[in-house]
Amino acid sequence: MNDGVMAPPVRDLADQLARRLFEADPATGSALGLREYDPLLPDLSTAAQAQLAVDLADIDSRAASLEPASADEHITRRVIRSACD
């Protein structure tokens, strides 16, 4: 619960990355207990893999442009960029 407080942009981007990765590999989401991914199967097509690469490049670019406000946000940004590599 966020009590009306907005999450920092780095946190929002990390959430977007996690959702995108779980869409690409729903079994990982299921394994982590996220039941909304249970009925899904990965799209293993070349087009889906190409779109994932485009999406990860976009997330990486947005992460690179963020200015972390704390040490925690700096680490989160580094993790995002590493996951997109």
Protein backbone atom coordinates (compact mmCIF):
# COMPACT_ATOMS: atom_id res chain seq x y z
CA MET A 1 0.00 0.00 0.00
CA ASN A 2 1.42 3.36 -0.96
CA ASP A 3 -0.92 5.68 1.03
CA GLY A 4 -1.04 8.11 -1.89
CA VAL A 5 2.75 8.51 -1.99
CA MET A 6 4.24 8.16 -5.46
CA ALA A 7 7.04 5.66 -5.91
CA PRO A 8 10.37 7.09 -7.08
CA PRO A 9 10.90 6.89 -10.87
CA VAL A 10 13.67 4.30 -10.38
CA ARG A 11 11.26 2.06 -8.47
CA ASP A 12 8.55 2.49 -11.11
CA LEU A 13 11.04 1.53 -13.81
CA ALA A 14 12.15 -1.53 -11.81
CA ASP A 15 8.50 -2.58 -11.54
CA GLN A 16 8.04 -2.12 -15.30
CA LEU A 17 11.13 -4.23 -15.96
CA ALA A 18 9.93 -7.02 -13.68
CA ARG A 19 6.50 -7.07 -15.34
CA ARG A 20 8.07 -7.16 -18.81
CA LEU A 21 10.43 -9.99 -17.87
CA PHE A 22 7.58 -11.98 -16.33
CA GLU A 23 5.51 -11.46 -19.50
CA ALA A 24 8.40 -12.91 -21.50
CA ASP A 25 8.93 -15.77 -19.02
CA PRO A 26 5.71 -16.32 -17.07
CA ALA A 27 7.08 -19.46 -15.41
CA THR A 28 9.45 -17.26 -13.41
CA GLY A 29 6.55 -15.13 -12.21
CA SER A 30 4.65 -18.27 -11.24
CA ALA A 31 7.68 -19.67 -9.43
CA LEU A 32 7.85 -16.47 -7.41
CA GLY A 33 4.22 -16.89 -6.35
CA LEU A 34 2.68 -14.37 -8.74
CA ARG A 35 -0.43 -16.38 -9.60
CA GLU A 36 -1.52 -14.09 -12.44
CA TYR A 37 1.25 -15.70 -14.52
CA ASP A 38 0.14 -19.31 -13.84
CA PRO A 39 -2.03 -19.74 -16.96
CA LEU A 40 0.42 -18.04 -19.33
CA LEU A 41 2.97 -19.55 -21.68
CA PRO A 42 6.00 -17.76 -23.11
CA ASP A 43 5.94 -16.57 -26.70
CA LEU A 44 9.10 -18.10 -28.13
CA SER A 45 8.70 -16.61 -31.60
CA THR A 46 11.45 -14.60 -33.22
CA ALA A 47 9.17 -11.56 -33.28
CA ALA A 48 8.52 -11.81 -29.53
CA GLN A 49 12.23 -12.11 -28.81
CA ALA A 50 12.94 -9.08 -31.00
CA GLN A 51 10.23 -7.07 -29.21
CA LEU A 52 11.70 -8.06 -25.84
CA ALA A 53 15.10 -6.77 -26.98
CA VAL A 54 13.52 -3.48 -28.06
CA ASP A 55 11.64 -3.16 -24.76
CA LEU A 56 14.76 -3.90 -22.70
CA ALA A 57 16.77 -1.35 -24.68
CA ASP A 58 14.05 1.24 -23.99
CA ILE A 59 14.03 0.47 -20.27
CA ASP A 60 17.83 0.63 -20.18
CA SER A 61 17.79 4.01 -21.94
CA ARG A 62 15.24 5.38 -19.48
CA ALA A 63 17.28 4.03 -16.54
CA ALA A 64 20.41 5.72 -17.89
CA SER A 65 18.61 9.06 -17.92
CA LEU A 66 17.45 8.86 -14.29
CA GLU A 67 19.24 10.67 -11.50
CA PRO A 68 19.04 8.49 -8.38
CA ALA A 69 18.13 10.43 -5.24
CA SER A 70 19.67 7.92 -2.82
CA ALA A 71 22.19 5.11 -2.59
CA ASP A 72 19.32 2.59 -2.77
CA GLU A 73 18.04 4.16 -5.99
CA HIS A 74 21.56 4.14 -7.43
CA ILE A 75 21.82 0.39 -6.76
CA THR A 76 18.34 -0.21 -8.19
CA ARG A 77 19.28 1.68 -11.35
CA ARG A 78 22.45 -0.41 -11.71
CA VAL A 79 20.43 -3.62 -11.31
CA ILE A 80 17.93 -2.45 -13.94
CA ARG A 81 20.69 -1.64 -16.39
CA SER A 82 22.43 -4.93 -15.72
CA ALA A 83 19.20 -6.89 -16.28
CA CYS A 84 18.65 -5.08 -19.58
CA ASP A 85 22.14 -5.91 -20.85
